[in-house]
PDB file of N, CA and C in Angstrom:
ATOM      1  N   UNK A   1      -8.950 -12.245   1.393  1.00  0.00           N
ATOM      2  CA  UNK A   1      -7.854 -11.712   2.134  1.00  0.00           C
ATOM      3  C   UNK A   1      -7.933 -10.163   2.154  1.00  0.00           C
ATOM      4  N   UNK A   2      -7.671  -9.640   3.279  1.00  0.00           N
ATOM      5  CA  UNK A   2      -7.850  -8.289   3.508  1.00  0.00           C
ATOM      6  C   UNK A   2      -6.722  -7.437   3.048  1.00  0.00           C
ATOM      7  N   UNK A   3      -6.899  -6.175   2.753  1.00  0.00           N
ATOM      8  CA  UNK A   3      -5.853  -5.262   2.350  1.00  0.00           C
ATOM      9  C   UNK A   3      -4.785  -5.019   3.458  1.00  0.00           C
ATOM     10  N   UNK A   4      -3.586  -4.733   2.942  1.00  0.00           N
ATOM     11  CA  UNK A   4      -2.459  -4.516   3.884  1.00  0.00           C
ATOM     12  C   UNK A   4      -2.468  -3.012   4.196  1.00  0.00           C
ATOM     13  N   UNK A   5      -2.744  -2.521   5.411  1.00  0.00           N
ATOM     14  CA  UNK A   5      -2.852  -1.107   5.681  1.00  0.00           C
ATOM     15  C   UNK A   5      -1.723  -0.637   6.395  1.00  0.00           C
ATOM     16  N   UNK A   6      -0.982  -1.368   7.173  1.00  0.00           N
ATOM     17  CA  UNK A   6       0.144  -0.960   8.077  1.00  0.00           C
ATOM     18  C   UNK A   6       1.278  -0.598   7.214  1.00  0.00           C
ATOM     19  N   UNK A   7       1.845   0.664   7.406  1.00  0.00           N
ATOM     20  CA  UNK A   7       2.984   1.159   6.679  1.00  0.00           C
ATOM     21  C   UNK A   7       4.217   0.336   7.036  1.00  0.00           C
ATOM     22  N   UNK A   8       4.247  -0.077   8.387  1.00  0.00           N
ATOM     23  CA  UNK A   8       5.470  -0.975   8.845  1.00  0.00           C
ATOM     24  C   UNK A   8       5.423  -2.322   8.095  1.00  0.00           C
ATOM     25  N   UNK A   9       4.186  -2.901   8.133  1.00  0.00           N
ATOM     26  CA  UNK A   9       4.068  -4.178   7.387  1.00  0.00           C
ATOM     27  C   UNK A   9       4.439  -4.080   5.832  1.00  0.00           C
ATOM     28  N   UNK A  10       4.056  -2.971   5.202  1.00  0.00           N
ATOM     29  CA  UNK A  10       4.353  -2.868   3.907  1.00  0.00           C
ATOM     30  C   UNK A  10       5.904  -2.802   3.641  1.00  0.00           C
ATOM     31  N   UNK A  11       6.497  -2.081   4.506  1.00  0.00           N
ATOM     32  CA  UNK A  11       7.993  -1.933   4.343  1.00  0.00           C
ATOM     33  C   UNK A  11       8.760  -3.314   4.640  1.00  0.00           C
ATOM     34  N   UNK A  12       8.170  -4.110   5.663  1.00  0.00           N
ATOM     35  CA  UNK A  12       8.778  -5.323   5.913  1.00  0.00           C
ATOM     36  C   UNK A  12       8.553  -6.300   4.705  1.00  0.00           C
ATOM     37  N   UNK A  13       7.396  -6.230   4.069  1.00  0.00           N
ATOM     38  CA  UNK A  13       7.000  -7.016   2.990  1.00  0.00           C
ATOM     39  C   UNK A  13       8.003  -6.662   1.791  1.00  0.00           C
ATOM     40  N   UNK A  14       8.238  -5.355   1.583  1.00  0.00           N
ATOM     41  CA  UNK A  14       9.097  -4.868   0.447  1.00  0.00           C
ATOM     42  C   UNK A  14      10.515  -5.433   0.718  1.00  0.00           C
ATOM     43  N   UNK A  15      10.986  -5.292   2.045  1.00  0.00           N
ATOM     44  CA  UNK A  15      12.259  -5.815   2.326  1.00  0.00           C
ATOM     45  C   UNK A  15      12.477  -7.321   2.064  1.00  0.00           C
ATOM     46  N   UNK A  16      11.387  -8.095   2.445  1.00  0.00           N
ATOM     47  CA  UNK A  16      11.480  -9.504   2.172  1.00  0.00           C
ATOM     48  C   UNK A  16      11.490  -9.867   0.797  1.00  0.00           C
ATOM     49  N   UNK A  17      10.699  -9.120  -0.049  1.00  0.00           N
ATOM     50  CA  UNK A  17      10.841  -9.318  -1.591  1.00  0.00           C
ATOM     51  C   UNK A  17      12.142  -8.992  -2.042  1.00  0.00           C
ATOM     52  N   UNK A  18      12.777  -7.911  -1.666  1.00  0.00           N
ATOM     53  CA  UNK A  18      14.077  -7.555  -2.076  1.00  0.00           C
ATOM     54  C   UNK A  18      15.238  -8.618  -1.562  1.00  0.00           C
ATOM     55  N   UNK A  19      14.932  -9.046  -0.425  1.00  0.00           N
ATOM     56  CA  UNK A  19      15.980 -10.207   0.039  1.00  0.00           C
ATOM     57  C   UNK A  19      15.788 -11.463  -0.762  1.00  0.00           C
ATOM     58  N   UNK A  20      14.589 -11.861  -0.996  1.00  0.00           N
ATOM     59  CA  UNK A  20      14.409 -13.048  -1.747  1.00  0.00           C
ATOM     60  C   UNK A  20      14.957 -12.854  -3.224  1.00  0.00           C
ATOM     61  N   UNK A  21      14.659 -11.677  -3.804  1.00  0.00           N
ATOM     62  CA  UNK A  21      15.326 -11.467  -5.170  1.00  0.00           C
ATOM     63  C   UNK A  21      16.773 -11.437  -5.162  1.00  0.00           C
ATOM     64  N   UNK A  22      17.345 -10.762  -4.166  1.00  0.00           N
ATOM     65  CA  UNK A  22      18.757 -10.736  -4.199  1.00  0.00           C
ATOM     66  C   UNK A  22      19.538 -12.082  -3.904  1.00  0.00           C
ATOM     67  N   UNK A  23      18.999 -12.706  -3.006  1.00  0.00           N
ATOM     68  CA  UNK A  23      19.597 -14.100  -2.600  1.00  0.00           C
ATOM     69  C   UNK A  23      19.366 -14.987  -3.784  1.00  0.00           C
ATOM     70  N   UNK A  24      18.165 -15.147  -4.248  1.00  0.00           N
ATOM     71  CA  UNK A  24      18.005 -16.046  -5.438  1.00  0.00           C
ATOM     72  C   UNK A  24      18.841 -15.581  -6.662  1.00  0.00           C
ATOM     73  N   UNK A  25      18.792 -14.485  -6.938  1.00  0.00           N
ATOM     74  CA  UNK A  25      19.692 -13.912  -8.104  1.00  0.00           C
ATOM     75  C   UNK A  25      21.076 -14.193  -7.863  1.00  0.00           C
ATOM     76  N   UNK A  26      21.615 -14.044  -6.628  1.00  0.00           N
ATOM     77  CA  UNK A  26      23.013 -14.325  -6.458  1.00  0.00           C
ATOM     78  C   UNK A  26      23.301 -15.777  -6.509  1.00  0.00           C
ATOM     79  N   UNK A  27      22.371 -16.568  -5.855  1.00  0.00           N
ATOM     80  CA  UNK A  27      22.578 -18.120  -6.023  1.00  0.00           C
ATOM     81  C   UNK A  27      22.560 -18.534  -7.437  1.00  0.00           C
ATOM     82  N   UNK A  28      21.673 -18.002  -8.229  1.00  0.00           N
ATOM     83  CA  UNK A  28      21.609 -18.428  -9.590  1.00  0.00           C
ATOM     84  C   UNK A  28      22.863 -18.056 -10.356  1.00  0.00           C
ATOM     85  N   UNK A  29      23.394 -16.849 -10.170  1.00  0.00           N
ATOM     86  CA  UNK A  29      24.561 -16.427 -10.760  1.00  0.00           C
ATOM     87  C   UNK A  29      25.770 -17.222 -10.314  1.00  0.00           C
ATOM     88  N   UNK A  30      25.849 -17.483  -9.029  1.00  0.00           N
ATOM     89  CA  UNK A  30      26.927 -18.299  -8.552  1.00  0.00           C
ATOM     90  C   UNK A  30      27.037 -19.577  -9.173  1.00  0.00           C
ATOM     91  N   UNK A  31      25.853 -20.214  -9.472  1.00  0.00           N
ATOM     92  CA  UNK A  31      25.799 -21.610 -10.017  1.00  0.00           C
ATOM     93  C   UNK A  31      26.426 -21.574 -11.493  1.00  0.00           C
ATOM     94  N   UNK A  32      26.309 -20.353 -12.197  1.00  0.00           N
ATOM     95  CA  UNK A  32      26.898 -20.318 -13.524  1.00  0.00           C
ATOM     96  C   UNK A  32      27.578 -18.916 -13.606  1.00  0.00           C
ATOM     97  N   UNK A  33      28.776 -18.736 -13.068  1.00  0.00           N
ATOM     98  CA  UNK A  33      29.346 -17.311 -13.047  1.00  0.00           C
ATOM     99  C   UNK A  33      29.917 -16.821 -14.286  1.00  0.00           C
ATOM    100  N   UNK A  34      29.083 -16.581 -15.273  1.00  0.00           N
ATOM    101  CA  UNK A  34      29.675 -16.034 -16.558  1.00  0.00           C
ATOM    102  C   UNK A  34      29.008 -14.718 -16.771  1.00  0.00           C
ATOM    103  N   UNK A  35      29.701 -13.910 -17.629  1.00  0.00           N
ATOM    104  CA  UNK A  35      29.121 -12.561 -18.058  1.00  0.00           C
ATOM    105  C   UNK A  35      27.766 -12.778 -18.690  1.00  0.00           C
ATOM    106  N   UNK A  36      27.783 -13.811 -19.550  1.00  0.00           N
ATOM    107  CA  UNK A  36      26.478 -14.164 -20.281  1.00  0.00           C
ATOM    108  C   UNK A  36      25.323 -14.439 -19.335  1.00  0.00           C
ATOM    109  N   UNK A  37      25.537 -15.306 -18.357  1.00  0.00           N
ATOM    110  CA  UNK A  37      24.503 -15.545 -17.461  1.00  0.00           C
ATOM    111  C   UNK A  37      24.036 -14.361 -16.605  1.00  0.00           C
ATOM    112  N   UNK A  38      25.011 -13.528 -16.310  1.00  0.00           N
ATOM    113  CA  UNK A  38      24.654 -12.234 -15.565  1.00  0.00           C
ATOM    114  C   UNK A  38      23.804 -11.361 -16.373  1.00  0.00           C
ATOM    115  N   UNK A  39      24.063 -11.243 -17.609  1.00  0.00           N
ATOM    116  CA  UNK A  39      23.430 -10.253 -18.616  1.00  0.00           C
ATOM    117  C   UNK A  39      21.966 -10.950 -18.723  1.00  0.00           C
ATOM    118  N   UNK A  40      21.833 -12.158 -18.938  1.00  0.00           N
ATOM    119  CA  UNK A  40      20.634 -12.879 -19.083  1.00  0.00           C
ATOM    120  C   UNK A  40      19.719 -12.646 -17.918  1.00  0.00           C
ATOM    121  N   UNK A  41      20.342 -12.788 -16.751  1.00  0.00           N
ATOM    122  CA  UNK A  41      19.669 -12.627 -15.439  1.00  0.00           C
ATOM    123  C   UNK A  41      18.975 -11.324 -15.297  1.00  0.00           C
ATOM    124  N   UNK A  42      19.890 -10.208 -15.634  1.00  0.00           N
ATOM    125  CA  UNK A  42      19.461  -8.881 -15.520  1.00  0.00           C
ATOM    126  C   UNK A  42      18.316  -8.625 -16.554  1.00  0.00           C
ATOM    127  N   UNK A  43      18.464  -9.063 -17.721  1.00  0.00           N
ATOM    128  CA  UNK A  43      17.329  -8.955 -18.687  1.00  0.00           C
ATOM    129  C   UNK A  43      16.124  -9.597 -18.281  1.00  0.00           C
ATOM    130  N   UNK A  44      16.201 -10.762 -17.684  1.00  0.00           N
ATOM    131  CA  UNK A  44      15.038 -11.455 -17.257  1.00  0.00           C
ATOM    132  C   UNK A  44      14.296 -10.707 -16.164  1.00  0.00           C
ATOM    133  N   UNK A  45      15.089 -10.115 -15.247  1.00  0.00           N
ATOM    134  CA  UNK A  45      14.503  -9.353 -14.226  1.00  0.00           C
ATOM    135  C   UNK A  45      13.912  -8.143 -14.712  1.00  0.00           C
ATOM    136  N   UNK A  46      14.490  -7.450 -15.582  1.00  0.00           N
ATOM    137  CA  UNK A  46      14.055  -6.114 -16.256  1.00  0.00           C
ATOM    138  C   UNK A  46      12.749  -6.461 -16.944  1.00  0.00           C
ATOM    139  N   UNK A  47      12.749  -7.501 -17.762  1.00  0.00           N
ATOM    140  CA  UNK A  47      11.518  -7.873 -18.515  1.00  0.00           C
ATOM    141  C   UNK A  47      10.299  -8.234 -17.650  1.00  0.00           C
ATOM    142  N   UNK A  48      10.475  -8.918 -16.670  1.00  0.00           N
ATOM    143  CA  UNK A  48       9.358  -9.172 -15.722  1.00  0.00           C
ATOM    144  C   UNK A  48       8.920  -8.031 -14.893  1.00  0.00           C
ATOM    145  N   UNK A  49       9.924  -7.048 -14.715  1.00  0.00           N
ATOM    146  CA  UNK A  49       9.479  -5.865 -13.903  1.00  0.00           C
ATOM    147  C   UNK A  49       8.559  -4.992 -14.969  1.00  0.00           C
ATOM    148  N   UNK A  50       8.887  -4.972 -16.226  1.00  0.00           N
ATOM    149  CA  UNK A  50       8.066  -4.195 -17.130  1.00  0.00           C
ATOM    150  C   UNK A  50       6.760  -4.929 -17.416  1.00  0.00           C
ATOM    151  N   UNK A  51       6.759  -6.207 -17.370  1.00  0.00           N
ATOM    152  CA  UNK A  51       5.514  -6.896 -17.486  1.00  0.00           C
ATOM    153  C   UNK A  51       4.587  -6.596 -16.352  1.00  0.00           C
ATOM    154  N   UNK A  52       5.065  -6.578 -15.224  1.00  0.00           N
ATOM    155  CA  UNK A  52       4.370  -6.287 -13.976  1.00  0.00           C
ATOM    156  C   UNK A  52       3.693  -4.853 -14.053  1.00  0.00           C
ATOM    157  N   UNK A  53       4.608  -3.939 -14.481  1.00  0.00           N
ATOM    158  CA  UNK A  53       4.142  -2.551 -14.687  1.00  0.00           C
ATOM    159  C   UNK A  53       3.029  -2.496 -15.663  1.00  0.00           C
ATOM    160  N   UNK A  54       3.129  -3.170 -16.780  1.00  0.00           N
ATOM    161  CA  UNK A  54       2.121  -3.307 -17.791  1.00  0.00           C
ATOM    162  C   UNK A  54       0.769  -3.799 -17.292  1.00  0.00           C
ATOM    163  N   UNK A  55       0.949  -4.966 -16.557  1.00  0.00           N
ATOM    164  CA  UNK A  55      -0.180  -5.734 -16.087  1.00  0.00           C
ATOM    165  C   UNK A  55      -1.090  -4.900 -15.067  1.00  0.00           C
ATOM    166  N   UNK A  56      -0.420  -4.160 -14.277  1.00  0.00           N
ATOM    167  CA  UNK A  56      -1.148  -3.406 -13.238  1.00  0.00           C
ATOM    168  C   UNK A  56      -1.308  -1.976 -13.484  1.00  0.00           C
ATOM    169  N   UNK A  57      -0.381  -1.287 -14.059  1.00  0.00           N
ATOM    170  CA  UNK A  57      -0.509   0.173 -14.144  1.00  0.00           C
ATOM    171  C   UNK A  57      -1.035   0.613 -15.546  1.00  0.00           C
ATOM    172  N   UNK A  58      -0.450   0.005 -16.590  1.00  0.00           N
ATOM    173  CA  UNK A  58      -0.960   0.400 -18.032  1.00  0.00           C
ATOM    174  C   UNK A  58      -2.392  -0.036 -18.206  1.00  0.00           C
ATOM    175  N   UNK A  59      -2.739  -1.317 -17.822  1.00  0.00           N
ATOM    176  CA  UNK A  59      -4.125  -1.754 -18.097  1.00  0.00           C
ATOM    177  C   UNK A  59      -5.160  -0.972 -17.354  1.00  0.00           C
ATOM    178  N   UNK A  60      -4.865  -0.693 -16.110  1.00  0.00           N
ATOM    179  CA  UNK A  60      -5.785   0.038 -15.269  1.00  0.00           C
ATOM    180  C   UNK A  60      -5.900   1.515 -15.529  1.00  0.00           C
ATOM    181  N   UNK A  61      -4.817   2.152 -16.005  1.00  0.00           N
ATOM    182  CA  UNK A  61      -4.875   3.569 -16.338  1.00  0.00           C
ATOM    183  C   UNK A  61      -5.209   3.910 -17.785  1.00  0.00           C
ATOM    184  N   UNK A  62      -4.771   3.070 -18.702  1.00  0.00           N
ATOM    185  CA  UNK A  62      -4.914   3.424 -20.108  1.00  0.00           C
ATOM    186  C   UNK A  62      -5.792   2.450 -20.903  1.00  0.00           C
ATOM    187  N   UNK A  63      -5.715   1.190 -20.602  1.00  0.00           N
ATOM    188  CA  UNK A  63      -6.488   0.323 -21.506  1.00  0.00           C
ATOM    189  C   UNK A  63      -7.861   0.084 -21.006  1.00  0.00           C
ATOM    190  N   UNK A  64      -8.163  -0.167 -19.737  1.00  0.00           N
ATOM    191  CA  UNK A  64      -9.510  -0.482 -19.275  1.00  0.00           C
ATOM    192  C   UNK A  64      -9.629   0.018 -17.794  1.00  0.00           C
ATOM    193  N   UNK A  65      -9.924   1.297 -17.514  1.00  0.00           N
ATOM    194  CA  UNK A  65      -9.910   1.772 -16.189  1.00  0.00           C
ATOM    195  C   UNK A  65     -10.969   1.204 -15.249  1.00  0.00           C
ATOM    196  N   UNK A  66     -11.919   0.386 -15.799  1.00  0.00           N
ATOM    197  CA  UNK A  66     -13.052  -0.190 -15.028  1.00  0.00           C
ATOM    198  C   UNK A  66     -12.550  -1.340 -14.133  1.00  0.00           C
ATOM    199  N   UNK A  67     -11.395  -1.982 -14.593  1.00  0.00           N
ATOM    200  CA  UNK A  67     -10.838  -3.237 -13.889  1.00  0.00           C
ATOM    201  C   UNK A  67      -9.838  -2.849 -12.877  1.00  0.00           C
ATOM    202  N   UNK A  68      -9.864  -3.596 -11.645  1.00  0.00           N
ATOM    203  CA  UNK A  68      -8.988  -3.482 -10.643  1.00  0.00           C
ATOM    204  C   UNK A  68      -8.471  -4.938 -10.454  1.00  0.00           C
ATOM    205  N   UNK A  69      -7.289  -5.144 -10.610  1.00  0.00           N
ATOM    206  CA  UNK A  69      -6.766  -6.538 -10.458  1.00  0.00           C
ATOM    207  C   UNK A  69      -6.364  -6.800  -9.110  1.00  0.00           C
ATOM    208  N   UNK A  70      -6.664  -8.036  -8.669  1.00  0.00           N
ATOM    209  CA  UNK A  70      -6.231  -8.413  -7.315  1.00  0.00           C
ATOM    210  C   UNK A  70      -4.915  -9.186  -7.290  1.00  0.00           C
ATOM    211  N   UNK A  71      -4.400  -9.470  -8.396  1.00  0.00           N
ATOM    212  CA  UNK A  71      -3.073 -10.288  -8.475  1.00  0.00           C
ATOM    213  C   UNK A  71      -2.728 -10.594  -9.919  1.00  0.00           C
ATOM    214  N   UNK A  72      -1.640 -11.373 -10.005  1.00  0.00           N
ATOM    215  CA  UNK A  72      -1.067 -11.651 -11.252  1.00  0.00           C
ATOM    216  C   UNK A  72      -2.066 -12.576 -12.091  1.00  0.00           C
ATOM    217  N   UNK A  73      -2.693 -13.539 -11.354  1.00  0.00           N
ATOM    218  CA  UNK A  73      -3.649 -14.428 -12.075  1.00  0.00           C
ATOM    219  C   UNK A  73      -4.919 -13.634 -12.613  1.00  0.00           C
ATOM    220  N   UNK A  74      -5.316 -12.698 -11.850  1.00  0.00           N
ATOM    221  CA  UNK A  74      -6.430 -11.836 -12.383  1.00  0.00           C
ATOM    222  C   UNK A  74      -6.060 -11.058 -13.607  1.00  0.00           C
ATOM    223  N   UNK A  75      -4.818 -10.634 -13.708  1.00  0.00           N
ATOM    224  CA  UNK A  75      -4.353  -9.874 -14.864  1.00  0.00           C
ATOM    225  C   UNK A  75      -4.241 -10.747 -16.008  1.00  0.00           C
ATOM    226  N   UNK A  76      -3.798 -11.926 -15.727  1.00  0.00           N
ATOM    227  CA  UNK A  76      -3.586 -12.935 -16.796  1.00  0.00           C
ATOM    228  C   UNK A  76      -4.957 -13.408 -17.402  1.00  0.00           C
ATOM    229  N   UNK A  77      -5.942 -13.612 -16.519  1.00  0.00           N
ATOM    230  CA  UNK A  77      -7.215 -13.921 -16.967  1.00  0.00           C
ATOM    231  C   UNK A  77      -7.836 -12.827 -17.797  1.00  0.00           C
ATOM    232  N   UNK A  78      -7.531 -11.602 -17.471  1.00  0.00           N
ATOM    233  CA  UNK A  78      -8.060 -10.478 -18.197  1.00  0.00           C
ATOM    234  C   UNK A  78      -7.448 -10.324 -19.563  1.00  0.00           C
ATOM    235  N   UNK A  79      -6.176 -10.523 -19.599  1.00  0.00           N
ATOM    236  CA  UNK A  79      -5.456 -10.422 -20.976  1.00  0.00           C
ATOM    237  C   UNK A  79      -5.763 -11.538 -21.838  1.00  0.00           C
ATOM    238  N   UNK A  80      -6.085 -12.811 -21.255  1.00  0.00           N
ATOM    239  CA  UNK A  80      -6.338 -14.011 -22.056  1.00  0.00           C
ATOM    240  C   UNK A  80      -7.806 -14.082 -22.559  1.00  0.00           C
ATOM    241  N   UNK A  81      -8.668 -13.333 -21.995  1.00  0.00           N
ATOM    242  CA  UNK A  81     -10.092 -13.457 -22.371  1.00  0.00           C
ATOM    243  C   UNK A  81     -10.272 -13.188 -23.825  1.00  0.00           C
ATOM    244  N   UNK A  82     -11.291 -13.799 -24.528  1.00  0.00           N
ATOM    245  CA  UNK A  82     -11.484 -13.882 -25.831  1.00  0.00           C
ATOM    246  C   UNK A  82     -12.038 -12.508 -26.402  1.00  0.00           C
ATOM    247  N   UNK A  83     -12.869 -11.808 -25.653  1.00  0.00           N
ATOM    248  CA  UNK A  83     -13.483 -10.537 -26.269  1.00  0.00           C
ATOM    249  C   UNK A  83     -13.016  -9.356 -25.609  1.00  0.00           C
ATOM    250  N   UNK A  84     -12.933  -8.311 -26.368  1.00  0.00           N
ATOM    251  CA  UNK A  84     -12.360  -6.970 -25.777  1.00  0.00           C
ATOM    252  C   UNK A  84     -13.489  -6.291 -24.850  1.00  0.00           C
ATOM    253  N   UNK A  85     -13.229  -5.435 -24.012  1.00  0.00           N
ATOM    254  CA  UNK A  85     -14.078  -4.891 -23.145  1.00  0.00           C
ATOM    255  C   UNK A  85     -15.062  -4.056 -23.889  1.00  0.00           C
ATOM    256  N   UNK A  86     -16.344  -4.040 -23.458  1.00  0.00           N
ATOM    257  CA  UNK A  86     -17.432  -3.342 -24.136  1.00  0.00           C
ATOM    258  C   UNK A  86     -17.281  -1.814 -23.852  1.00  0.00           C
ATOM    259  N   UNK A  87     -17.492  -1.097 -24.896  1.00  0.00           N
ATOM    260  CA  UNK A  87     -17.357   0.272 -24.868  1.00  0.00           C
ATOM    261  C   UNK A  87     -18.765   1.087 -25.042  1.00  0.00           C
ATOM    262  N   UNK A  88     -18.991   1.922 -24.202  1.00  0.00           N
ATOM    263  CA  UNK A  88     -20.211   2.646 -24.454  1.00  0.00           C
ATOM    264  C   UNK A  88     -20.125   3.652 -25.522  1.00  0.00           C
ATOM    265  N   UNK A  89     -20.933   3.570 -26.529  1.00  0.00           N
ATOM    266  CA  UNK A  89     -20.963   4.485 -27.603  1.00  0.00           C
ATOM    267  C   UNK A  89     -22.080   5.562 -27.450  1.00  0.00           C
ATOM    268  N   UNK A  90     -21.549   6.767 -27.501  1.00  0.00           N
ATOM    269  CA  UNK A  90     -22.386   7.933 -27.310  1.00  0.00           C
ATOM    270  C   UNK A  90     -22.721   8.581 -28.598  1.00  0.00           C
ATOM    271  N   UNK A  91     -23.486   9.644 -28.686  1.00  0.00           N
ATOM    272  CA  UNK A  91     -23.870  10.222 -29.980  1.00  0.00           C
ATOM    273  C   UNK A  91     -22.535  10.880 -30.626  1.00  0.00           C
ATOM    274  N   UNK A  92     -22.632  10.907 -31.910  1.00  0.00           N
ATOM    275  CA  UNK A  92     -21.592  11.391 -32.664  1.00  0.00           C
ATOM    276  C   UNK A  92     -21.547  12.946 -32.650  1.00  0.00           C
ATOM    277  N   UNK A  93     -20.288  13.562 -32.412  1.00  0.00           N
ATOM    278  CA  UNK A  93     -20.154  14.943 -32.356  1.00  0.00           C
ATOM    279  C   UNK A  93     -19.797  15.444 -33.693  1.00  0.00           C
ATOM    280  N   UNK A  94     -20.325  16.659 -34.038  1.00  0.00           N
ATOM    281  CA  UNK A  94     -19.870  17.348 -35.307  1.00  0.00           C
ATOM    282  C   UNK A  94     -18.389  17.490 -35.336  1.00  0.00           C
ATOM    283  N   UNK A  95     -17.999  17.424 -36.535  1.00  0.00           N
ATOM    284  CA  UNK A  95     -16.415  17.491 -36.768  1.00  0.00           C
ATOM    285  C   UNK A  95     -16.075  18.796 -37.374  1.00  0.00           C
ATOM    286  N   UNK A  96     -16.903  19.599 -37.951  1.00  0.00           N
ATOM    287  CA  UNK A  96     -16.467  20.838 -38.562  1.00  0.00           C
ATOM    288  C   UNK A  96     -17.273  22.024 -37.968  1.00  0.00           C
ATOM    289  N   UNK A  97     -16.750  23.190 -38.070  1.00  0.00           N
ATOM    290  CA  UNK A  97     -17.473  24.338 -37.426  1.00  0.00           C
ATOM    291  C   UNK A  97     -18.851  24.656 -38.143  1.00  0.00           C
ATOM    292  N   UNK A  98     -18.961  24.339 -39.408  1.00  0.00           N
ATOM    293  CA  UNK A  98     -20.114  24.663 -40.022  1.00  0.00           C
ATOM    294  C   UNK A  98     -21.256  23.736 -39.671  1.00  0.00           C
ATOM    295  N   UNK A  99     -20.817  22.404 -39.280  1.00  0.00           N
ATOM    296  CA  UNK A  99     -21.845  21.543 -38.781  1.00  0.00           C
ATOM    297  C   UNK A  99     -22.328  21.924 -37.320  1.00  0.00           C
ATOM    298  N   UNK A 100     -21.306  22.429 -36.580  1.00  0.00           N
ATOM    299  CA  UNK A 100     -21.742  22.917 -35.266  1.00  0.00           C
ATOM    300  C   UNK A 100     -22.658  24.052 -35.201  1.00  0.00           C
ATOM    301  N   UNK A 101     -22.555  25.061 -36.127  1.00  0.00           N
ATOM    302  CA  UNK A 101     -23.485  26.213 -36.156  1.00  0.00           C
ATOM    303  C   UNK A 101     -24.740  25.791 -37.118  1.00  0.00           C
ATOM    304  N   UNK A 102     -25.703  25.344 -36.465  1.00  0.00           N
ATOM    305  CA  UNK A 102     -26.962  25.071 -37.306  1.00  0.00           C
ATOM    306  C   UNK A 102     -27.890  26.243 -36.996  1.00  0.00           C
ATOM    307  N   UNK A 103     -28.505  26.656 -38.113  1.00  0.00           N
ATOM    308  CA  UNK A 103     -29.566  27.827 -37.920  1.00  0.00           C
ATOM    309  C   UNK A 103     -30.683  27.356 -37.121  1.00  0.00           C
ATOM    310  N   UNK A 104     -31.188  28.287 -36.296  1.00  0.00           N
ATOM    311  CA  UNK A 104     -32.432  27.896 -35.493  1.00  0.00           C
ATOM    312  C   UNK A 104     -33.565  27.991 -36.295  1.00  0.00           C
ATOM    313  N   UNK A 105     -34.545  27.261 -36.033  1.00  0.00           N
ATOM    314  CA  UNK A 105     -35.870  27.227 -36.872  1.00  0.00           C
ATOM    315  C   UNK A 105     -36.852  27.955 -36.143  1.00  0.00           C
ATOM    316  N   UNK A 106     -36.664  29.223 -35.909  1.00  0.00           N
ATOM    317  CA  UNK A 106     -37.751  30.080 -35.232  1.00  0.00           C
ATOM    318  C   UNK A 106     -38.493  30.861 -36.303  1.00  0.00           C
TER     319      UNK A 106
END
C-alpha cells in the first residue's frame, strides 16, 4: 500500500475516523445510558489513545529508533517478540578526570 500524500485526503480520512468514533460512541452510550457506562467509555477511549501513542511515538523515539511501524499489527509483533533489540556496544569511556588525563609516553 502506498503512502497517503494528499493533504485533502488526510483531512477526509481524519474526519471519517472522528465520525466513526462519535457515532459508535453515541450508539454505545445510548444502548446503556448511565453515568457509569459513560465514564467507562471515556476511560476506554483514553486508554486506547495512550496505547496508540506509546506504540507509535514512544517506541520509535525512545525505545528503539531503528524500527518504523506500518500499523498496529507491526507494533504488536514488535512488542511480543521474545528477545530485546540488539544494542551496539562501543568502547568504555573513562569515568573520572584522573583516568582521562593519562601521561604521554614520550
